[in-house]
Amino acid sequence: MTDANVLKVKIILGSTRPTRFSEYAGGWILEQAKKITGIEPEILDLRDYVMPFFNEPVSPSYKQEPYKNEAVARFTSKIAEGDAFIIITPEYNHATSGVLKNALDWVYQEWNNRPVGFVAYGSVGGARAVEQLRLVAVELRMVPVRNAVHINSHWMLLDEKGVLKTGALDSYQGAAEGLLTQLVWWAKALQAARSTQA
């Protein structure tokens, strides 16, 4: 398989808190994705892209050149590489995290015409955060896939040291397979469609 046929899937960790669950959920879905031939998954940790609150005079949908902030430029460049995205999101106050929403807001063209799936955790499995993110994704001209992974009571999956228990996420295997199957289908379809654009 040539590099041109390999789908690049970016997995975005949507929390930067010191005791976050994102890295466990992200590492787990990374391993599930690695089982699929023809995709190249990579984790993007928002801790590595310390971006200010979006405050530019021009909206990302109208920008003519990259923003000057170094972290924003690096993040945008990584997003531009992606053919598909998986967002790992907590649920805070019936919504996603501020740091994740801000990261989404800094980018526009690079999100366009690409699929996105969600792995969520928190109250009711992060379902309310995902519902809000689906609306944001549509406005960014992304295609949110139907299937998602909703991890319930994630705090119960950790041992006394705060480490993920062995096999704690095994029961979500089917949900992960459903998400990845849809994500790959849409990624191939949209990649082919983008190749026809001038």
C-alpha atoms as a PDB file:
ATOM      1  CA  MET A   1       0.000   0.000   0.000  1.00  0.00           C
ATOM      2  CA  THR A   2       1.450   3.379  -0.994  1.00  0.00           C
ATOM      3  CA  ASP A   3       1.603   6.363   1.342  1.00  0.00           C
ATOM      4  CA  ALA A   4      -1.004   8.086  -0.822  1.00  0.00           C
ATOM      5  CA  ASN A   5      -3.501   5.333   0.046  1.00  0.00           C
ATOM      6  CA  VAL A   6      -2.825   5.416   3.789  1.00  0.00           C
ATOM      7  CA  LEU A   7      -5.445   7.316   5.771  1.00  0.00           C
ATOM      8  CA  LYS A   8      -3.954   9.561   8.437  1.00  0.00           C
ATOM      9  CA  VAL A   9      -6.169   9.555  11.513  1.00  0.00           C
ATOM     10  CA  LYS A  10      -5.450  12.184  14.150  1.00  0.00           C
ATOM     11  CA  ILE A  11      -6.611  11.403  17.689  1.00  0.00           C
ATOM     12  CA  ILE A  12      -7.032  14.608  19.679  1.00  0.00           C
ATOM     13  CA  LEU A  13      -6.828  14.496  23.473  1.00  0.00           C
ATOM     14  CA  GLY A  14      -9.406  17.058  24.564  1.00  0.00           C
ATOM     15  CA  SER A  15      -8.292  17.614  28.145  1.00  0.00           C
ATOM     16  CA  THR A  16      -5.086  19.040  29.600  1.00  0.00           C
ATOM     17  CA  ARG A  17      -5.868  18.459  33.271  1.00  0.00           C
ATOM     18  CA  PRO A  18      -3.146  16.704  35.311  1.00  0.00           C
ATOM     19  CA  THR A  19      -5.477  13.842  36.306  1.00  0.00           C
ATOM     20  CA  ARG A  20      -7.237  13.550  32.948  1.00  0.00           C
ATOM     21  CA  PHE A  21      -8.725  10.305  31.655  1.00  0.00           C
ATOM     22  CA  SER A  22      -8.132  11.422  28.047  1.00  0.00           C
ATOM     23  CA  GLU A  23      -4.735   9.808  27.763  1.00  0.00           C
ATOM     24  CA  TYR A  24      -6.147   6.405  28.746  1.00  0.00           C
ATOM     25  CA  ALA A  25      -9.070   6.656  26.341  1.00  0.00           C
ATOM     26  CA  GLY A  26      -6.789   8.050  23.636  1.00  0.00           C
ATOM     27  CA  GLY A  27      -4.145   5.365  24.062  1.00  0.00           C
ATOM     28  CA  TRP A  28      -6.816   2.685  23.981  1.00  0.00           C
ATOM     29  CA  ILE A  29      -8.502   3.908  20.767  1.00  0.00           C
ATOM     30  CA  LEU A  30      -5.021   4.327  19.231  1.00  0.00           C
ATOM     31  CA  GLU A  31      -4.390   0.625  19.786  1.00  0.00           C
ATOM     32  CA  GLN A  32      -7.786  -0.266  18.296  1.00  0.00           C
ATOM     33  CA  ALA A  33      -7.026   1.871  15.238  1.00  0.00           C
ATOM     34  CA  LYS A  34      -3.617   0.239  14.755  1.00  0.00           C
ATOM     35  CA  LYS A  35      -5.389  -3.060  14.107  1.00  0.00           C
ATOM     36  CA  ILE A  36      -6.870  -1.674  10.883  1.00  0.00           C
ATOM     37  CA  THR A  37      -4.818  -2.037   7.720  1.00  0.00           C
ATOM     38  CA  GLY A  38      -4.405   1.140   5.706  1.00  0.00           C
ATOM     39  CA  ILE A  39      -4.625   3.751   8.430  1.00  0.00           C
ATOM     40  CA  GLU A  40      -1.896   5.606  10.276  1.00  0.00           C
ATOM     41  CA  PRO A  41      -3.170   6.851  13.635  1.00  0.00           C
ATOM     42  CA  GLU A  42      -1.404   9.535  15.656  1.00  0.00           C
ATOM     43  CA  ILE A  43      -2.217  11.208  18.956  1.00  0.00           C
ATOM     44  CA  LEU A  44      -2.301  15.001  19.119  1.00  0.00           C
ATOM     45  CA  ASP A  45      -2.059  16.095  22.748  1.00  0.00           C
ATOM     46  CA  LEU A  46      -3.373  19.604  23.409  1.00  0.00           C
ATOM     47  CA  ARG A  47      -0.774  19.903  26.160  1.00  0.00           C
ATOM     48  CA  ASP A  48       1.753  20.169  23.321  1.00  0.00           C
ATOM     49  CA  TYR A  49      -0.149  23.050  21.688  1.00  0.00           C
ATOM     50  CA  VAL A  50      -0.660  25.779  24.267  1.00  0.00           C
ATOM     51  CA  MET A  51      -2.881  28.133  22.281  1.00  0.00           C
ATOM     52  CA  PRO A  52      -4.294  31.418  23.561  1.00  0.00           C
ATOM     53  CA  PHE A  53      -8.028  32.014  23.529  1.00  0.00           C
ATOM     54  CA  PHE A  54      -9.033  32.754  19.954  1.00  0.00           C
ATOM     55  CA  ASN A  55      -8.831  36.547  19.566  1.00  0.00           C
ATOM     56  CA  GLU A  56      -8.006  37.241  15.935  1.00  0.00           C
ATOM     57  CA  PRO A  57      -9.769  40.036  14.000  1.00  0.00           C
ATOM     58  CA  VAL A  58     -10.352  37.677  11.056  1.00  0.00           C
ATOM     59  CA  SER A  59     -12.330  34.444  11.360  1.00  0.00           C
ATOM     60  CA  PRO A  60     -10.446  31.240  10.423  1.00  0.00           C
ATOM     61  CA  SER A  61     -12.962  30.735   7.603  1.00  0.00           C
ATOM     62  CA  TYR A  62     -11.713  33.964   5.975  1.00  0.00           C
ATOM     63  CA  LYS A  63      -8.026  33.898   6.794  1.00  0.00           C
ATOM     64  CA  GLN A  64      -5.659  34.236   3.834  1.00  0.00           C
ATOM     65  CA  GLU A  65      -2.462  33.170   5.589  1.00  0.00           C
ATOM     66  CA  PRO A  66      -1.617  31.136   8.694  1.00  0.00           C
ATOM     67  CA  TYR A  67      -1.955  32.789  12.075  1.00  0.00           C
ATOM     68  CA  LYS A  68       1.340  33.941  13.568  1.00  0.00           C
ATOM     69  CA  ASN A  69       1.093  32.166  16.932  1.00  0.00           C
ATOM     70  CA  GLU A  70       3.657  29.343  16.913  1.00  0.00           C
ATOM     71  CA  ALA A  71       1.506  26.768  18.734  1.00  0.00           C
ATOM     72  CA  VAL A  72      -1.482  27.550  16.510  1.00  0.00           C
ATOM     73  CA  ALA A  73       0.659  27.205  13.381  1.00  0.00           C
ATOM     74  CA  ARG A  74       2.003  23.816  14.526  1.00  0.00           C
ATOM     75  CA  PHE A  75      -1.464  22.572  15.450  1.00  0.00           C
ATOM     76  CA  THR A  76      -2.980  23.747  12.168  1.00  0.00           C
ATOM     77  CA  SER A  77      -0.187  22.027  10.259  1.00  0.00           C
ATOM     78  CA  LYS A  78      -0.890  18.732  12.023  1.00  0.00           C
ATOM     79  CA  ILE A  79      -4.621  19.052  11.340  1.00  0.00           C
ATOM     80  CA  ALA A  80      -3.866  19.686   7.654  1.00  0.00           C
ATOM     81  CA  GLU A  81      -2.154  16.270   7.506  1.00  0.00           C
ATOM     82  CA  GLY A  82      -5.272  14.454   8.673  1.00  0.00           C
ATOM     83  CA  ASP A  83      -7.776  12.519   6.598  1.00  0.00           C
ATOM     84  CA  ALA A  84      -9.973  11.814   9.618  1.00  0.00           C
ATOM     85  CA  PHE A  85     -10.161  12.703  13.290  1.00  0.00           C
ATOM     86  CA  ILE A  86     -11.141  11.095  16.570  1.00  0.00           C
ATOM     87  CA  ILE A  87     -11.787  13.521  19.389  1.00  0.00           C
ATOM     88  CA  ILE A  88     -11.417  12.334  22.981  1.00  0.00           C
ATOM     89  CA  THR A  89     -13.678  14.549  25.062  1.00  0.00           C
ATOM     90  CA  PRO A  90     -14.584  14.875  28.701  1.00  0.00           C
ATOM     91  CA  GLU A  91     -17.932  16.320  29.725  1.00  0.00           C
ATOM     92  CA  TYR A  92     -17.802  19.454  31.859  1.00  0.00           C
ATOM     93  CA  ASN A  93     -21.114  21.073  32.819  1.00  0.00           C
ATOM     94  CA  HIS A  94     -23.023  19.342  29.998  1.00  0.00           C
ATOM     95  CA  ALA A  95     -20.434  20.448  27.421  1.00  0.00           C
ATOM     96  CA  THR A  96     -16.944  19.725  26.176  1.00  0.00           C
ATOM     97  CA  SER A  97     -13.791  21.286  27.635  1.00  0.00           C
ATOM     98  CA  GLY A  98     -12.877  24.904  26.962  1.00  0.00           C
ATOM     99  CA  VAL A  99      -9.408  23.955  25.744  1.00  0.00           C
ATOM    100  CA  LEU A 100     -10.864  21.621  23.109  1.00  0.00           C
ATOM    101  CA  LYS A 101     -13.462  24.121  21.892  1.00  0.00           C
ATOM    102  CA  ASN A 102     -10.717  26.734  21.583  1.00  0.00           C
ATOM    103  CA  ALA A 103      -8.530  24.349  19.556  1.00  0.00           C
ATOM    104  CA  LEU A 104     -11.435  23.679  17.197  1.00  0.00           C
ATOM    105  CA  ASP A 105     -12.088  27.409  16.826  1.00  0.00           C
ATOM    106  CA  TRP A 106      -8.534  28.226  15.681  1.00  0.00           C
ATOM    107  CA  VAL A 107      -8.807  26.079  12.531  1.00  0.00           C
ATOM    108  CA  TYR A 108     -11.238  26.006   9.626  1.00  0.00           C
ATOM    109  CA  GLN A 109     -10.148  25.036   6.100  1.00  0.00           C
ATOM    110  CA  GLU A 110      -8.044  22.166   7.417  1.00  0.00           C
ATOM    111  CA  TRP A 111     -11.112  20.587   9.063  1.00  0.00           C
ATOM    112  CA  ASN A 112     -13.260  20.872   5.946  1.00  0.00           C
ATOM    113  CA  ASN A 113     -14.617  17.743   4.247  1.00  0.00           C
ATOM    114  CA  ARG A 114     -13.127  15.297   6.727  1.00  0.00           C
ATOM    115  CA  PRO A 115     -14.903  12.877   9.048  1.00  0.00           C
ATOM    116  CA  VAL A 116     -14.733  13.008  12.819  1.00  0.00           C
ATOM    117  CA  GLY A 117     -15.658  10.470  15.476  1.00  0.00           C
ATOM    118  CA  PHE A 118     -15.879  10.817  19.236  1.00  0.00           C
ATOM    119  CA  VAL A 119     -14.759   8.938  22.320  1.00  0.00           C
ATOM    120  CA  ALA A 120     -16.348  10.547  25.365  1.00  0.00           C
ATOM    121  CA  TYR A 121     -16.356  10.083  29.115  1.00  0.00           C
ATOM    122  CA  GLY A 122     -18.093  11.695  32.052  1.00  0.00           C
ATOM    123  CA  SER A 123     -21.684  11.922  33.185  1.00  0.00           C
ATOM    124  CA  VAL A 124     -23.940   9.832  30.899  1.00  0.00           C
ATOM    125  CA  GLY A 125     -20.809   8.773  29.062  1.00  0.00           C
ATOM    126  CA  GLY A 126     -20.089  12.273  27.811  1.00  0.00           C
ATOM    127  CA  ALA A 127     -23.142  12.124  25.523  1.00  0.00           C
ATOM    128  CA  ARG A 128     -24.061  15.796  25.965  1.00  0.00           C
ATOM    129  CA  ALA A 129     -20.529  16.909  25.116  1.00  0.00           C
ATOM    130  CA  VAL A 130     -20.641  14.819  21.947  1.00  0.00           C
ATOM    131  CA  GLU A 131     -23.998  16.264  20.899  1.00  0.00           C
ATOM    132  CA  GLN A 132     -22.565  19.771  21.144  1.00  0.00           C
ATOM    133  CA  LEU A 133     -19.415  18.752  19.294  1.00  0.00           C
ATOM    134  CA  ARG A 134     -21.475  17.321  16.439  1.00  0.00           C
ATOM    135  CA  LEU A 135     -23.017  20.791  15.922  1.00  0.00           C
ATOM    136  CA  VAL A 136     -19.582  22.413  15.978  1.00  0.00           C
ATOM    137  CA  ALA A 137     -18.227  19.823  13.536  1.00  0.00           C
ATOM    138  CA  VAL A 138     -20.995  20.519  11.020  1.00  0.00           C
ATOM    139  CA  GLU A 139     -20.257  24.248  11.173  1.00  0.00           C
ATOM    140  CA  LEU A 140     -16.600  23.413  10.465  1.00  0.00           C
ATOM    141  CA  ARG A 141     -17.789  21.472   7.386  1.00  0.00           C
ATOM    142  CA  MET A 142     -16.775  18.149   8.902  1.00  0.00           C
ATOM    143  CA  VAL A 143     -18.769  14.923   8.766  1.00  0.00           C
ATOM    144  CA  PRO A 144     -19.492  13.614  12.279  1.00  0.00           C
ATOM    145  CA  VAL A 145     -20.027   9.858  12.157  1.00  0.00           C
ATOM    146  CA  ARG A 146     -23.003   8.363  13.949  1.00  0.00           C
ATOM    147  CA  ASN A 147     -21.259   5.772  16.123  1.00  0.00           C
ATOM    148  CA  ALA A 148     -19.316   6.931  19.166  1.00  0.00           C
ATOM    149  CA  VAL A 149     -17.759   5.442  22.274  1.00  0.00           C
ATOM    150  CA  HIS A 150     -19.397   6.612  25.518  1.00  0.00           C
ATOM    151  CA  ILE A 151     -17.418   5.567  28.588  1.00  0.00           C
ATOM    152  CA  ASN A 152     -19.567   5.529  31.694  1.00  0.00           C
ATOM    153  CA  SER A 153     -18.281   6.101  35.248  1.00  0.00           C
ATOM    154  CA  HIS A 154     -14.705   6.322  34.035  1.00  0.00           C
ATOM    155  CA  TRP A 155     -13.480   7.016  37.578  1.00  0.00           C
ATOM    156  CA  MET A 156     -14.477   3.439  38.458  1.00  0.00           C
ATOM    157  CA  LEU A 157     -12.064   2.116  35.827  1.00  0.00           C
ATOM    158  CA  LEU A 158      -8.985   3.395  37.677  1.00  0.00           C
ATOM    159  CA  ASP A 159      -7.095   1.702  40.491  1.00  0.00           C
ATOM    160  CA  GLU A 160      -6.167   3.337  43.799  1.00  0.00           C
ATOM    161  CA  LYS A 161      -3.166   4.995  42.111  1.00  0.00           C
ATOM    162  CA  GLY A 162      -5.311   6.524  39.369  1.00  0.00           C
ATOM    163  CA  VAL A 163      -4.059   4.091  36.713  1.00  0.00           C
ATOM    164  CA  LEU A 164      -6.395   2.382  34.263  1.00  0.00           C
ATOM    165  CA  LYS A 165      -7.215  -1.157  35.391  1.00  0.00           C
ATOM    166  CA  THR A 166      -6.212  -3.976  33.049  1.00  0.00           C
ATOM    167  CA  GLY A 167      -9.031  -4.762  30.627  1.00  0.00           C
ATOM    168  CA  ALA A 168     -11.154  -1.895  31.938  1.00  0.00           C
ATOM    169  CA  LEU A 169     -12.174  -0.792  28.448  1.00  0.00           C
ATOM    170  CA  ASP A 170     -12.698  -4.248  26.946  1.00  0.00           C
ATOM    171  CA  SER A 171     -16.483  -3.905  27.058  1.00  0.00           C
ATOM    172  CA  TYR A 172     -16.235  -0.930  24.668  1.00  0.00           C
ATOM    173  CA  GLN A 173     -14.503  -2.952  21.949  1.00  0.00           C
ATOM    174  CA  GLY A 174     -17.657  -3.280  19.853  1.00  0.00           C
ATOM    175  CA  ALA A 175     -18.376   0.441  20.075  1.00  0.00           C
ATOM    176  CA  ALA A 176     -14.811   1.216  18.984  1.00  0.00           C
ATOM    177  CA  GLU A 177     -15.091  -1.115  15.992  1.00  0.00           C
ATOM    178  CA  GLY A 178     -18.352   0.536  14.948  1.00  0.00           C
ATOM    179  CA  LEU A 179     -16.839   4.012  15.199  1.00  0.00           C
ATOM    180  CA  LEU A 180     -13.694   3.066  13.281  1.00  0.00           C
ATOM    181  CA  THR A 181     -15.616   1.252  10.539  1.00  0.00           C
ATOM    182  CA  GLN A 182     -17.729   4.337   9.859  1.00  0.00           C
ATOM    183  CA  LEU A 183     -14.762   6.693  10.157  1.00  0.00           C
ATOM    184  CA  VAL A 184     -12.694   4.736   7.608  1.00  0.00           C
ATOM    185  CA  TRP A 185     -15.625   4.519   5.164  1.00  0.00           C
ATOM    186  CA  TRP A 186     -16.204   8.261   5.286  1.00  0.00           C
ATOM    187  CA  ALA A 187     -12.477   9.029   5.199  1.00  0.00           C
ATOM    188  CA  LYS A 188     -12.074   7.059   1.952  1.00  0.00           C
ATOM    189  CA  ALA A 189     -15.178   8.601   0.389  1.00  0.00           C
ATOM    190  CA  LEU A 190     -14.199  12.149   1.305  1.00  0.00           C
ATOM    191  CA  GLN A 191     -10.570  11.652   0.308  1.00  0.00           C
ATOM    192  CA  ALA A 192     -11.755  10.550  -3.130  1.00  0.00           C
ATOM    193  CA  ALA A 193     -14.128  13.502  -3.338  1.00  0.00           C
ATOM    194  CA  ARG A 194     -11.415  15.983  -2.345  1.00  0.00           C
ATOM    195  CA  SER A 195      -9.128  14.580  -5.039  1.00  0.00           C
ATOM    196  CA  THR A 196     -11.630  15.703  -7.690  1.00  0.00           C
ATOM    197  CA  GLN A 197     -11.592  19.322  -6.519  1.00  0.00           C
ATOM    198  CA  ALA A 198      -9.553  21.827  -8.457  1.00  0.00           C
END
